[in-house]
Structures are given as structure tokens and as C-alpha cells.
Amino acid sequence: MKRKANVRTKPKKAAGKKAAVKNGDAGWVELRLYVAGQTPKSLAALANLKKICDEHLTGRYKLHVIDLIKTPQLAQGDQILAIPTLVRNLPMPIRKIIGDLSDLERVLVGLNLRETGIVN
């Protein structure tokens, strides 16, 4: 009696964006920007972050903007002490950047998108 080989006829489905972001796969970056309403610093941080993401992370990022005026309880989860604060959750390790994100070099280094240039 011949046994059938265990052959898979259907290919595995490719992981979608959400799965990739959750697992940190394929170079995805998950960001949370904590702001306080529509203050000038909060608006500047959001505008600067969108520009950075469009130029350096096109199609590879997920951004959550969290308004602590509306949901202050969410500040505790990421231990937010100042606003605006950007938190990079994925890839690990978690990184935090405080301020309006106007210092492009500092933000790129903080997000690990550019080397520091420091030679040991």
C-alpha cells in the first residue's frame, strides 16, 4: 500500500501589516506620540514626526497619536512624564524622545534610523 506524501497544496498566506507590526517583522516601526490637545508644541511634534516618517520610514511604520487631554490614563502605560513624547515600541528596545522633534539628527539617532557618528 502506497502512502501519500504530505504535500501542501495551498501556499501560506503572507502576514499583513498588522501582524508584521505586532511581531516587529520586515523592518516595521511602531510609534506612539503622546500629546496634550492642540498646543503649538503638540502640533509641531506631529508635523515633524509625519515629515520624518514620510522621508525615512515610508510604508514601514504604524503611528498612534494619543491625546492625554482625552485619555490621561494611557500615560501610565508608557510612563509618560513630559509631553510631547514619542515612544518607539517596535523594534525593541523601547526608545523615548521628548520634545517637538525639531532636531532631525537627534530624532533619527533616537529612532535608530541613523548612526550616532561616534567612534569608539
PDB file of N, CA and C in Angstrom:
ATOM      1  N   MET A   1       0.834  -1.168   0.000  1.00  0.00           N
ATOM      2  CA  MET A   1       0.000   0.000   0.000  1.00  0.00           C
ATOM      3  C   MET A   1       0.891   1.247   0.000  1.00  0.00           C
ATOM      4  N   LYS A   2       0.659   2.155  -0.946  1.00  0.00           N
ATOM      5  CA  LYS A   2       1.445   3.378  -1.049  1.00  0.00           C
ATOM      6  C   LYS A   2       0.871   4.449  -0.140  1.00  0.00           C
ATOM      7  N   ARG A   3       1.770   5.172   0.492  1.00  0.00           N
ATOM      8  CA  ARG A   3       1.344   6.296   1.328  1.00  0.00           C
ATOM      9  C   ARG A   3       1.506   7.584   0.534  1.00  0.00           C
ATOM     10  N   LYS A   4       0.548   8.470   0.700  1.00  0.00           N
ATOM     11  CA  LYS A   4       0.647   9.770   0.047  1.00  0.00           C
ATOM     12  C   LYS A   4       1.639  10.635   0.803  1.00  0.00           C
ATOM     13  N   ALA A   5       2.429  11.329   0.055  1.00  0.00           N
ATOM     14  CA  ALA A   5       3.344  12.281   0.679  1.00  0.00           C
ATOM     15  C   ALA A   5       2.527  13.456   1.203  1.00  0.00           C
ATOM     16  N   ASN A   6       2.943  13.975   2.322  1.00  0.00           N
ATOM     17  CA  ASN A   6       2.250  15.113   2.924  1.00  0.00           C
ATOM     18  C   ASN A   6       2.676  16.377   2.180  1.00  0.00           C
ATOM     19  N   VAL A   7       1.923  16.719   1.148  1.00  0.00           N
ATOM     20  CA  VAL A   7       2.253  17.861   0.304  1.00  0.00           C
ATOM     21  C   VAL A   7       1.231  18.960   0.539  1.00  0.00           C
ATOM     22  N   ARG A   8       1.718  20.136   0.787  1.00  0.00           N
ATOM     23  CA  ARG A   8       0.840  21.283   0.989  1.00  0.00           C
ATOM     24  C   ARG A   8       0.502  21.863  -0.377  1.00  0.00           C
ATOM     25  N   THR A   9      -0.792  21.954  -0.675  1.00  0.00           N
ATOM     26  CA  THR A   9      -1.200  22.459  -1.986  1.00  0.00           C
ATOM     27  C   THR A   9      -1.442  23.956  -1.975  1.00  0.00           C
ATOM     28  N   LYS A  10      -1.813  24.500  -0.824  1.00  0.00           N
ATOM     29  CA  LYS A  10      -2.054  25.933  -0.730  1.00  0.00           C
ATOM     30  C   LYS A  10      -0.856  26.601  -0.076  1.00  0.00           C
ATOM     31  N   PRO A  11      -0.377  27.696  -0.679  1.00  0.00           N
ATOM     32  CA  PRO A  11       0.734  28.400  -0.044  1.00  0.00           C
ATOM     33  C   PRO A  11       0.247  29.131   1.207  1.00  0.00           C
ATOM     34  N   LYS A  12       1.169  29.324   2.130  1.00  0.00           N
ATOM     35  CA  LYS A  12       0.824  30.075   3.334  1.00  0.00           C
ATOM     36  C   LYS A  12       0.515  31.511   2.951  1.00  0.00           C
ATOM     37  N   LYS A  13      -0.454  32.088   3.641  1.00  0.00           N
ATOM     38  CA  LYS A  13      -0.779  33.489   3.391  1.00  0.00           C
ATOM     39  C   LYS A  13       0.315  34.364   3.980  1.00  0.00           C
ATOM     40  N   ALA A  14       0.623  35.430   3.257  1.00  0.00           N
ATOM     41  CA  ALA A  14       1.627  36.372   3.741  1.00  0.00           C
ATOM     42  C   ALA A  14       1.050  37.160   4.909  1.00  0.00           C
ATOM     43  N   ALA A  15       1.911  37.476   5.848  1.00  0.00           N
ATOM     44  CA  ALA A  15       1.465  38.257   7.012  1.00  0.00           C
ATOM     45  C   ALA A  15       1.118  39.664   6.567  1.00  0.00           C
ATOM     46  N   GLY A  16       0.047  40.177   7.085  1.00  0.00           N
ATOM     47  CA  GLY A  16      -0.391  41.533   6.764  1.00  0.00           C
ATOM     48  C   GLY A  16       0.370  42.560   7.566  1.00  0.00           C
ATOM     49  N   LYS A  17       0.051  43.839   7.356  1.00  0.00           N
ATOM     50  CA  LYS A  17       0.733  44.927   8.054  1.00  0.00           C
ATOM     51  C   LYS A  17       0.608  44.801   9.557  1.00  0.00           C
ATOM     52  N   LYS A  18      -0.611  44.504  10.036  1.00  0.00           N
ATOM     53  CA  LYS A  18      -0.818  44.442  11.479  1.00  0.00           C
ATOM     54  C   LYS A  18       0.031  43.351  12.116  1.00  0.00           C
ATOM     55  N   ALA A  19       0.075  42.190  11.477  1.00  0.00           N
ATOM     56  CA  ALA A  19       0.872  41.099  12.023  1.00  0.00           C
ATOM     57  C   ALA A  19       2.351  41.465  12.011  1.00  0.00           C
ATOM     58  N   ALA A  20       2.793  42.109  10.946  1.00  0.00           N
ATOM     59  CA  ALA A  20       4.195  42.500  10.860  1.00  0.00           C
ATOM     60  C   ALA A  20       4.546  43.517  11.931  1.00  0.00           C
ATOM     61  N   VAL A  21       3.649  44.472  12.160  1.00  0.00           N
ATOM     62  CA  VAL A  21       3.911  45.479  13.182  1.00  0.00           C
ATOM     63  C   VAL A  21       3.946  44.845  14.554  1.00  0.00           C
ATOM     64  N   LYS A  22       2.998  43.956  14.841  1.00  0.00           N
ATOM     65  CA  LYS A  22       2.950  43.327  16.155  1.00  0.00           C
ATOM     66  C   LYS A  22       4.183  42.481  16.418  1.00  0.00           C
ATOM     67  N   ASN A  23       4.676  41.809  15.396  1.00  0.00           N
ATOM     68  CA  ASN A  23       5.803  40.911  15.578  1.00  0.00           C
ATOM     69  C   ASN A  23       7.149  41.583  15.357  1.00  0.00           C
ATOM     70  N   GLY A  24       7.140  42.837  14.883  1.00  0.00           N
ATOM     71  CA  GLY A  24       8.394  43.522  14.615  1.00  0.00           C
ATOM     72  C   GLY A  24       9.096  43.022  13.375  1.00  0.00           C
ATOM     73  N   ASP A  25       8.367  42.378  12.466  1.00  0.00           N
ATOM     74  CA  ASP A  25       8.948  41.802  11.265  1.00  0.00           C
ATOM     75  C   ASP A  25       9.127  42.847  10.175  1.00  0.00           C
ATOM     76  N   ALA A  26       9.951  42.522   9.218  1.00  0.00           N
ATOM     77  CA  ALA A  26      10.108  43.252   7.970  1.00  0.00           C
ATOM     78  C   ALA A  26      10.457  44.723   8.159  1.00  0.00           C
ATOM     79  N   GLY A  27      11.185  45.062   9.215  1.00  0.00           N
ATOM     80  CA  GLY A  27      11.619  46.427   9.407  1.00  0.00           C
ATOM     81  C   GLY A  27      10.530  47.398   9.817  1.00  0.00           C
ATOM     82  N   TRP A  28       9.422  46.907  10.297  1.00  0.00           N
ATOM     83  CA  TRP A  28       8.324  47.777  10.718  1.00  0.00           C
ATOM     84  C   TRP A  28       8.695  48.506  11.999  1.00  0.00           C
ATOM     85  N   VAL A  29       8.185  49.723  12.114  1.00  0.00           N
ATOM     86  CA  VAL A  29       8.406  50.546  13.304  1.00  0.00           C
ATOM     87  C   VAL A  29       7.041  50.944  13.840  1.00  0.00           C
ATOM     88  N   GLU A  30       6.825  50.720  15.133  1.00  0.00           N
ATOM     89  CA  GLU A  30       5.575  51.119  15.773  1.00  0.00           C
ATOM     90  C   GLU A  30       5.869  52.289  16.704  1.00  0.00           C
ATOM     91  N   LEU A  31       5.160  53.396  16.468  1.00  0.00           N
ATOM     92  CA  LEU A  31       5.396  54.631  17.206  1.00  0.00           C
ATOM     93  C   LEU A  31       4.126  55.090  17.906  1.00  0.00           C
ATOM     94  N   ARG A  32       4.328  55.697  19.076  1.00  0.00           N
ATOM     95  CA  ARG A  32       3.235  56.362  19.788  1.00  0.00           C
ATOM     96  C   ARG A  32       3.693  57.772  20.104  1.00  0.00           C
ATOM     97  N   LEU A  33       2.865  58.744  19.715  1.00  0.00           N
ATOM     98  CA  LEU A  33       3.165  60.133  20.031  1.00  0.00           C
ATOM     99  C   LEU A  33       2.147  60.610  21.045  1.00  0.00           C
ATOM    100  N   TYR A  34       2.633  60.945  22.223  1.00  0.00           N
ATOM    101  CA  TYR A  34       1.773  61.446  23.291  1.00  0.00           C
ATOM    102  C   TYR A  34       1.774  62.973  23.224  1.00  0.00           C
ATOM    103  N   VAL A  35       0.575  63.554  23.097  1.00  0.00           N
ATOM    104  CA  VAL A  35       0.411  64.997  23.015  1.00  0.00           C
ATOM    105  C   VAL A  35      -0.638  65.449  24.026  1.00  0.00           C
ATOM    106  N   ALA A  36      -0.768  66.772  24.164  1.00  0.00           N
ATOM    107  CA  ALA A  36      -1.778  67.333  25.060  1.00  0.00           C
ATOM    108  C   ALA A  36      -2.619  68.329  24.269  1.00  0.00           C
ATOM    109  N   GLY A  37      -3.634  67.839  23.612  1.00  0.00           N
ATOM    110  CA  GLY A  37      -4.524  68.703  22.850  1.00  0.00           C
ATOM    111  C   GLY A  37      -3.855  69.295  21.626  1.00  0.00           C
ATOM    112  N   GLN A  38      -4.271  70.505  21.268  1.00  0.00           N
ATOM    113  CA  GLN A  38      -3.798  71.166  20.062  1.00  0.00           C
ATOM    114  C   GLN A  38      -2.818  72.293  20.389  1.00  0.00           C
ATOM    115  N   THR A  39      -1.923  72.062  21.340  1.00  0.00           N
ATOM    116  CA  THR A  39      -0.939  73.082  21.700  1.00  0.00           C
ATOM    117  C   THR A  39       0.071  73.244  20.567  1.00  0.00           C
ATOM    118  N   PRO A  40       0.737  74.393  20.494  1.00  0.00           N
ATOM    119  CA  PRO A  40       1.737  74.583  19.437  1.00  0.00           C
ATOM    120  C   PRO A  40       2.835  73.511  19.439  1.00  0.00           C
ATOM    121  N   LYS A  41       3.305  73.117  20.619  1.00  0.00           N
ATOM    122  CA  LYS A  41       4.352  72.078  20.672  1.00  0.00           C
ATOM    123  C   LYS A  41       3.822  70.726  20.202  1.00  0.00           C
ATOM    124  N   SER A  42       2.592  70.397  20.571  1.00  0.00           N
ATOM    125  CA  SER A  42       1.993  69.128  20.149  1.00  0.00           C
ATOM    126  C   SER A  42       1.813  69.099  18.635  1.00  0.00           C
ATOM    127  N   LEU A  43       1.332  70.187  18.061  1.00  0.00           N
ATOM    128  CA  LEU A  43       1.133  70.266  16.614  1.00  0.00           C
ATOM    129  C   LEU A  43       2.464  70.221  15.873  1.00  0.00           C
ATOM    130  N   ALA A  44       3.480  70.904  16.423  1.00  0.00           N
ATOM    131  CA  ALA A  44       4.808  70.884  15.811  1.00  0.00           C
ATOM    132  C   ALA A  44       5.397  69.474  15.850  1.00  0.00           C
ATOM    133  N   ALA A  45       5.240  68.784  16.977  1.00  0.00           N
ATOM    134  CA  ALA A  45       5.766  67.415  17.102  1.00  0.00           C
ATOM    135  C   ALA A  45       5.105  66.495  16.083  1.00  0.00           C
ATOM    136  N   LEU A  46       3.797  66.607  15.925  1.00  0.00           N
ATOM    137  CA  LEU A  46       3.083  65.762  14.970  1.00  0.00           C
ATOM    138  C   LEU A  46       3.522  66.064  13.543  1.00  0.00           C
ATOM    139  N   ALA A  47       3.631  67.331  13.189  1.00  0.00           N
ATOM    140  CA  ALA A  47       4.061  67.706  11.844  1.00  0.00           C
ATOM    141  C   ALA A  47       5.484  67.226  11.569  1.00  0.00           C
ATOM    142  N   ASN A  48       6.388  67.422  12.538  1.00  0.00           N
ATOM    143  CA  ASN A  48       7.770  66.978  12.369  1.00  0.00           C
ATOM    144  C   ASN A  48       7.856  65.461  12.242  1.00  0.00           C
ATOM    145  N   LEU A  49       7.073  64.743  13.047  1.00  0.00           N
ATOM    146  CA  LEU A  49       7.107  63.288  13.002  1.00  0.00           C
ATOM    147  C   LEU A  49       6.569  62.763  11.671  1.00  0.00           C
ATOM    148  N   LYS A  50       5.484  63.339  11.180  1.00  0.00           N
ATOM    149  CA  LYS A  50       4.943  62.904   9.885  1.00  0.00           C
ATOM    150  C   LYS A  50       5.961  63.110   8.768  1.00  0.00           C
ATOM    151  N   LYS A  51       6.661  64.237   8.809  1.00  0.00           N
ATOM    152  CA  LYS A  51       7.681  64.512   7.799  1.00  0.00           C
ATOM    153  C   LYS A  51       8.816  63.482   7.879  1.00  0.00           C
ATOM    154  N   ILE A  52       9.263  63.191   9.090  1.00  0.00           N
ATOM    155  CA  ILE A  52      10.336  62.209   9.287  1.00  0.00           C
ATOM    156  C   ILE A  52       9.896  60.834   8.796  1.00  0.00           C
ATOM    157  N   CYS A  53       8.692  60.432   9.159  1.00  0.00           N
ATOM    158  CA  CYS A  53       8.184  59.117   8.748  1.00  0.00           C
ATOM    159  C   CYS A  53       8.044  59.016   7.227  1.00  0.00           C
ATOM    160  N   ASP A  54       7.546  60.081   6.606  1.00  0.00           N
ATOM    161  CA  ASP A  54       7.390  60.077   5.150  1.00  0.00           C
ATOM    162  C   ASP A  54       8.726  59.986   4.431  1.00  0.00           C
ATOM    163  N   GLU A  55       9.764  60.604   4.996  1.00  0.00           N
ATOM    164  CA  GLU A  55      11.075  60.612   4.354  1.00  0.00           C
ATOM    165  C   GLU A  55      11.923  59.386   4.676  1.00  0.00           C
ATOM    166  N   HIS A  56      11.780  58.825   5.890  1.00  0.00           N
ATOM    167  CA  HIS A  56      12.702  57.774   6.321  1.00  0.00           C
ATOM    168  C   HIS A  56      12.050  56.422   6.598  1.00  0.00           C
ATOM    169  N   LEU A  57      10.726  56.377   6.709  1.00  0.00           N
ATOM    170  CA  LEU A  57      10.047  55.122   7.049  1.00  0.00           C
ATOM    171  C   LEU A  57       8.869  54.835   6.114  1.00  0.00           C
ATOM    172  N   THR A  58       8.903  55.339   4.924  1.00  0.00           N
ATOM    173  CA  THR A  58       7.775  55.214   4.004  1.00  0.00           C
ATOM    174  C   THR A  58       7.259  53.781   3.937  1.00  0.00           C
ATOM    175  N   GLY A  59       5.984  53.617   4.320  1.00  0.00           N
ATOM    176  CA  GLY A  59       5.336  52.317   4.231  1.00  0.00           C
ATOM    177  C   GLY A  59       5.785  51.294   5.254  1.00  0.00           C
ATOM    178  N   ARG A  60       6.615  51.702   6.229  1.00  0.00           N
ATOM    179  CA  ARG A  60       7.146  50.747   7.210  1.00  0.00           C
ATOM    180  C   ARG A  60       6.848  51.137   8.639  1.00  0.00           C
ATOM    181  N   TYR A  61       5.822  51.965   8.854  1.00  0.00           N
ATOM    182  CA  TYR A  61       5.565  52.403  10.222  1.00  0.00           C
ATOM    183  C   TYR A  61       4.083  52.416  10.527  1.00  0.00           C
ATOM    184  N   LYS A  62       3.799  52.324  11.816  1.00  0.00           N
ATOM    185  CA  LYS A  62       2.440  52.453  12.336  1.00  0.00           C
ATOM    186  C   LYS A  62       2.522  53.518  13.415  1.00  0.00           C
ATOM    187  N   LEU A  63       1.681  54.551  13.294  1.00  0.00           N
ATOM    188  CA  LEU A  63       1.720  55.673  14.218  1.00  0.00           C
ATOM    189  C   LEU A  63       0.400  55.787  14.960  1.00  0.00           C
ATOM    190  N   HIS A  64       0.496  55.877  16.275  1.00  0.00           N
ATOM    191  CA  HIS A  64      -0.660  56.114  17.141  1.00  0.00           C
ATOM    192  C   HIS A  64      -0.431  57.469  17.806  1.00  0.00           C
ATOM    193  N   VAL A  65      -1.375  58.385  17.640  1.00  0.00           N
ATOM    194  CA  VAL A  65      -1.298  59.674  18.317  1.00  0.00           C
ATOM    195  C   VAL A  65      -2.258  59.612  19.495  1.00  0.00           C
ATOM    196  N   ILE A  66      -1.726  59.825  20.694  1.00  0.00           N
ATOM    197  CA  ILE A  66      -2.517  59.699  21.910  1.00  0.00           C
ATOM    198  C   ILE A  66      -2.619  61.068  22.571  1.00  0.00           C
ATOM    199  N   ASP A  67      -3.844  61.581  22.641  1.00  0.00           N
ATOM    200  CA  ASP A  67      -4.109  62.879  23.250  1.00  0.00           C
ATOM    201  C   ASP A  67      -4.410  62.653  24.732  1.00  0.00           C
ATOM    202  N   LEU A  68      -3.502  63.084  25.583  1.00  0.00           N
ATOM    203  CA  LEU A  68      -3.640  62.845  27.015  1.00  0.00           C
ATOM    204  C   LEU A  68      -4.685  63.743  27.664  1.00  0.00           C
ATOM    205  N   ILE A  69      -5.176  64.738  26.946  1.00  0.00           N
ATOM    206  CA  ILE A  69      -6.300  65.530  27.446  1.00  0.00           C
ATOM    207  C   ILE A  69      -7.559  64.657  27.435  1.00  0.00           C
ATOM    208  N   LYS A  70      -7.692  63.843  26.396  1.00  0.00           N
ATOM    209  CA  LYS A  70      -8.864  62.969  26.245  1.00  0.00           C
ATOM    210  C   LYS A  70      -8.727  61.668  27.025  1.00  0.00           C
ATOM    211  N   THR A  71      -7.527  61.108  27.041  1.00  0.00           N
ATOM    212  CA  THR A  71      -7.306  59.808  27.702  1.00  0.00           C
ATOM    213  C   THR A  71      -6.042  59.859  28.566  1.00  0.00           C
ATOM    214  N   PRO A  72      -6.096  60.544  29.695  1.00  0.00           N
ATOM    215  CA  PRO A  72      -4.897  60.681  30.543  1.00  0.00           C
ATOM    216  C   PRO A  72      -4.406  59.366  31.138  1.00  0.00           C
ATOM    217  N   GLN A  73      -5.290  58.386  31.286  1.00  0.00           N
ATOM    218  CA  GLN A  73      -4.896  57.112  31.877  1.00  0.00           C
ATOM    219  C   GLN A  73      -3.874  56.364  31.021  1.00  0.00           C
ATOM    220  N   LEU A  74      -3.778  56.687  29.736  1.00  0.00           N
ATOM    221  CA  LEU A  74      -2.829  55.997  28.858  1.00  0.00           C
ATOM    222  C   LEU A  74      -1.377  56.418  29.102  1.00  0.00           C
ATOM    223  N   ALA A  75      -1.170  57.517  29.822  1.00  0.00           N
ATOM    224  CA  ALA A  75       0.192  57.972  30.107  1.00  0.00           C
ATOM    225  C   ALA A  75       0.933  57.011  31.016  1.00  0.00           C
ATOM    226  N   GLN A  76       0.215  56.326  31.872  1.00  0.00           N
ATOM    227  CA  GLN A  76       0.856  55.440  32.840  1.00  0.00           C
ATOM    228  C   GLN A  76       1.517  54.236  32.172  1.00  0.00           C
ATOM    229  N   GLY A  77       0.906  53.696  31.132  1.00  0.00           N
ATOM    230  CA  GLY A  77       1.432  52.505  30.480  1.00  0.00           C
ATOM    231  C   GLY A  77       2.848  52.671  29.959  1.00  0.00           C
ATOM    232  N   ASP A  78       3.152  53.816  29.354  1.00  0.00           N
ATOM    233  CA  ASP A  78       4.490  54.081  28.832  1.00  0.00           C
ATOM    234  C   ASP A  78       5.288  55.010  29.743  1.00  0.00           C
ATOM    235  N   GLN A  79       4.793  55.255  30.946  1.00  0.00           N
ATOM    236  CA  GLN A  79       5.465  56.095  31.941  1.00  0.00           C
ATOM    237  C   GLN A  79       5.824  57.466  31.360  1.00  0.00           C
ATOM    238  N   ILE A  80       4.814  58.151  30.853  1.00  0.00           N
ATOM    239  CA  ILE A  80       4.997  59.457  30.235  1.00  0.00           C
ATOM    240  C   ILE A  80       5.039  60.526  31.328  1.00  0.00           C
ATOM    241  N   LEU A  81       6.125  61.277  31.362  1.00  0.00           N
ATOM    242  CA  LEU A  81       6.307  62.322  32.364  1.00  0.00           C
ATOM    243  C   LEU A  81       6.270  63.718  31.761  1.00  0.00           C
ATOM    244  N   ALA A  82       6.509  63.827  30.452  1.00  0.00           N
ATOM    245  CA  ALA A  82       6.514  65.117  29.775  1.00  0.00           C
ATOM    246  C   ALA A  82       5.856  64.946  28.412  1.00  0.00           C
ATOM    247  N   ILE A  83       5.314  66.034  27.889  1.00  0.00           N
ATOM    248  CA  ILE A  83       4.700  65.966  26.572  1.00  0.00           C
ATOM    249  C   ILE A  83       5.150  67.158  25.735  1.00  0.00           C
ATOM    250  N   PRO A  84       5.265  66.984  24.442  1.00  0.00           N
ATOM    251  CA  PRO A  84       5.058  65.758  23.682  1.00  0.00           C
ATOM    252  C   PRO A  84       6.206  64.766  23.878  1.00  0.00           C
ATOM    253  N   THR A  85       5.856  63.482  23.844  1.00  0.00           N
ATOM    254  CA  THR A  85       6.824  62.395  23.939  1.00  0.00           C
ATOM    255  C   THR A  85       6.536  61.376  22.844  1.00  0.00           C
ATOM    256  N   LEU A  86       7.592  60.979  22.151  1.00  0.00           N
ATOM    257  CA  LEU A  86       7.494  59.939  21.133  1.00  0.00           C
ATOM    258  C   LEU A  86       8.058  58.654  21.723  1.00  0.00           C
ATOM    259  N   VAL A  87       7.310  57.566  21.596  1.00  0.00           N
ATOM    260  CA  VAL A  87       7.754  56.258  22.079  1.00  0.00           C
ATOM    261  C   VAL A  87       7.820  55.311  20.893  1.00  0.00           C
ATOM    262  N   ARG A  88       8.992  54.696  20.694  1.00  0.00           N
ATOM    263  CA  ARG A  88       9.125  53.660  19.669  1.00  0.00           C
ATOM    264  C   ARG A  88       8.997  52.318  20.388  1.00  0.00           C
ATOM    265  N   ASN A  89       7.909  51.608  20.126  1.00  0.00           N
ATOM    266  CA  ASN A  89       7.670  50.311  20.762  1.00  0.00           C
ATOM    267  C   ASN A  89       8.348  49.174  20.022  1.00  0.00           C
ATOM    268  N   LEU A  90       8.313  49.203  18.716  1.00  0.00           N
ATOM    269  CA  LEU A  90       8.950  48.180  17.900  1.00  0.00           C
ATOM    270  C   LEU A  90       9.816  48.852  16.865  1.00  0.00           C
ATOM    271  N   PRO A  91      10.949  48.312  16.532  1.00  0.00           N
ATOM    272  CA  PRO A  91      11.574  47.137  17.124  1.00  0.00           C
ATOM    273  C   PRO A  91      12.120  47.455  18.518  1.00  0.00           C
ATOM    274  N   MET A  92      12.300  46.401  19.269  1.00  0.00           N
ATOM    275  CA  MET A  92      12.814  46.532  20.621  1.00  0.00           C
ATOM    276  C   MET A  92      14.273  46.963  20.555  1.00  0.00           C
ATOM    277  N   PRO A  93      14.849  47.641  21.489  1.00  0.00           N
ATOM    278  CA  PRO A  93      14.273  48.052  22.756  1.00  0.00           C
ATOM    279  C   PRO A  93      13.415  49.311  22.575  1.00  0.00           C
ATOM    280  N   ILE A  94      12.569  49.563  23.563  1.00  0.00           N
ATOM    281  CA  ILE A  94      11.713  50.740  23.545  1.00  0.00           C
ATOM    282  C   ILE A  94      12.598  51.984  23.658  1.00  0.00           C
ATOM    283  N   ARG A  95      12.297  53.001  22.847  1.00  0.00           N
ATOM    284  CA  ARG A  95      13.040  54.265  22.881  1.00  0.00           C
ATOM    285  C   ARG A  95      12.045  55.397  23.086  1.00  0.00           C
ATOM    286  N   LYS A  96      12.448  56.441  23.823  1.00  0.00           N
ATOM    287  CA  LYS A  96      11.601  57.607  24.059  1.00  0.00           C
ATOM    288  C   LYS A  96      12.353  58.875  23.688  1.00  0.00           C
ATOM    289  N   ILE A  97      11.624  59.788  23.049  1.00  0.00           N
ATOM    290  CA  ILE A  97      12.178  61.085  22.681  1.00  0.00           C
ATOM    291  C   ILE A  97      11.184  62.138  23.147  1.00  0.00           C
ATOM    292  N   ILE A  98      11.657  63.081  23.934  1.00  0.00           N
ATOM    293  CA  ILE A  98      10.802  64.134  24.482  1.00  0.00           C
ATOM    294  C   ILE A  98      11.054  65.427  23.717  1.00  0.00           C
ATOM    295  N   GLY A  99       9.974  66.134  23.392  1.00  0.00           N
ATOM    296  CA  GLY A  99      10.108  67.435  22.741  1.00  0.00           C
ATOM    297  C   GLY A  99       9.308  67.496  21.452  1.00  0.00           C
ATOM    298  N   ASP A 100       9.525  68.586  20.697  1.00  0.00           N
ATOM    299  CA  ASP A 100       8.737  68.804  19.482  1.00  0.00           C
ATOM    300  C   ASP A 100       9.320  68.131  18.242  1.00  0.00           C
ATOM    301  N   LEU A 101      10.395  67.352  18.420  1.00  0.00           N
ATOM    302  CA  LEU A 101      11.018  66.552  17.364  1.00  0.00           C
ATOM    303  C   LEU A 101      11.588  67.414  16.245  1.00  0.00           C
ATOM    304  N   SER A 102      11.974  68.641  16.555  1.00  0.00           N
ATOM    305  CA  SER A 102      12.510  69.538  15.538  1.00  0.00           C
ATOM    306  C   SER A 102      13.988  69.286  15.251  1.00  0.00           C
ATOM    307  N   ASP A 103      14.707  68.639  16.160  1.00  0.00           N
ATOM    308  CA  ASP A 103      16.116  68.310  15.950  1.00  0.00           C
ATOM    309  C   ASP A 103      16.179  66.987  15.186  1.00  0.00           C
ATOM    310  N   LEU A 104      16.213  67.082  13.864  1.00  0.00           N
ATOM    311  CA  LEU A 104      16.131  65.907  12.996  1.00  0.00           C
ATOM    312  C   LEU A 104      17.194  64.869  13.317  1.00  0.00           C
ATOM    313  N   GLU A 105      18.428  65.300  13.488  1.00  0.00           N
ATOM    314  CA  GLU A 105      19.519  64.357  13.763  1.00  0.00           C
ATOM    315  C   GLU A 105      19.270  63.580  15.050  1.00  0.00           C
ATOM    316  N   ARG A 106      18.838  64.281  16.095  1.00  0.00           N
ATOM    317  CA  ARG A 106      18.565  63.634  17.384  1.00  0.00           C
ATOM    318  C   ARG A 106      17.436  62.613  17.263  1.00  0.00           C
ATOM    319  N   VAL A 107      16.408  62.964  16.509  1.00  0.00           N
ATOM    320  CA  VAL A 107      15.271  62.056  16.333  1.00  0.00           C
ATOM    321  C   VAL A 107      15.690  60.821  15.536  1.00  0.00           C
ATOM    322  N   LEU A 108      16.449  61.014  14.464  1.00  0.00           N
ATOM    323  CA  LEU A 108      16.889  59.872  13.653  1.00  0.00           C
ATOM    324  C   LEU A 108      17.782  58.926  14.453  1.00  0.00           C
ATOM    325  N   VAL A 109      18.667  59.483  15.259  1.00  0.00           N
ATOM    326  CA  VAL A 109      19.516  58.644  16.114  1.00  0.00           C
ATOM    327  C   VAL A 109      18.667  57.972  17.175  1.00  0.00           C
ATOM    328  N   GLY A 110      17.731  58.713  17.766  1.00  0.00           N
ATOM    329  CA  GLY A 110      16.855  58.162  18.801  1.00  0.00           C
ATOM    330  C   GLY A 110      15.979  57.026  18.302  1.00  0.00           C
ATOM    331  N   LEU A 111      15.559  57.118  17.041  1.00  0.00           N
ATOM    332  CA  LEU A 111      14.741  56.052  16.448  1.00  0.00           C
ATOM    333  C   LEU A 111      15.596  54.948  15.841  1.00  0.00           C
ATOM    334  N   ASN A 112      16.920  55.116  15.948  1.00  0.00           N
ATOM    335  CA  ASN A 112      17.875  54.147  15.409  1.00  0.00           C
ATOM    336  C   ASN A 112      17.774  54.072  13.885  1.00  0.00           C
ATOM    337  N   LEU A 113      17.519  55.208  13.256  1.00  0.00           N
ATOM    338  CA  LEU A 113      17.471  55.280  11.803  1.00  0.00           C
ATOM    339  C   LEU A 113      18.781  55.812  11.225  1.00  0.00           C
ATOM    340  N   ARG A 114      19.662  56.295  12.110  1.00  0.00           N
ATOM    341  CA  ARG A 114      20.949  56.816  11.688  1.00  0.00           C
ATOM    342  C   ARG A 114      21.956  56.545  12.784  1.00  0.00           C
ATOM    343  N   GLU A 115      23.173  56.252  12.381  1.00  0.00           N
ATOM    344  CA  GLU A 115      24.255  56.009  13.326  1.00  0.00           C
ATOM    345  C   GLU A 115      24.603  57.318  14.039  1.00  0.00           C
ATOM    346  N   THR A 116      25.141  57.221  15.240  1.00  0.00           N
ATOM    347  CA  THR A 116      25.492  58.403  16.018  1.00  0.00           C
ATOM    348  C   THR A 116      26.712  59.114  15.467  1.00  0.00           C
ATOM    349  N   GLY A 117      27.568  58.403  14.744  1.00  0.00           N
ATOM    350  CA  GLY A 117      28.780  59.015  14.240  1.00  0.00           C
ATOM    351  C   GLY A 117      29.911  58.997  15.254  1.00  0.00           C
ATOM    352  N   ILE A 118      29.645  58.482  16.451  1.00  0.00           N
ATOM    353  CA  ILE A 118      30.665  58.404  17.499  1.00  0.00           C
ATOM    354  C   ILE A 118      31.503  57.160  17.262  1.00  0.00           C
ATOM    355  N   VAL A 119      32.808  57.343  17.219  1.00  0.00           N
ATOM    356  CA  VAL A 119      33.716  56.211  17.007  1.00  0.00           C
ATOM    357  C   VAL A 119      34.329  55.846  18.340  1.00  0.00           C
ATOM    358  N   ASN A 120      34.261  54.560  18.702  1.00  0.00           N
ATOM    359  CA  ASN A 120      34.850  54.096  19.955  1.00  0.00           C
ATOM    360  C   ASN A 120      36.304  53.759  19.778  1.00  0.00           C
TER     361      ASN A 120
END
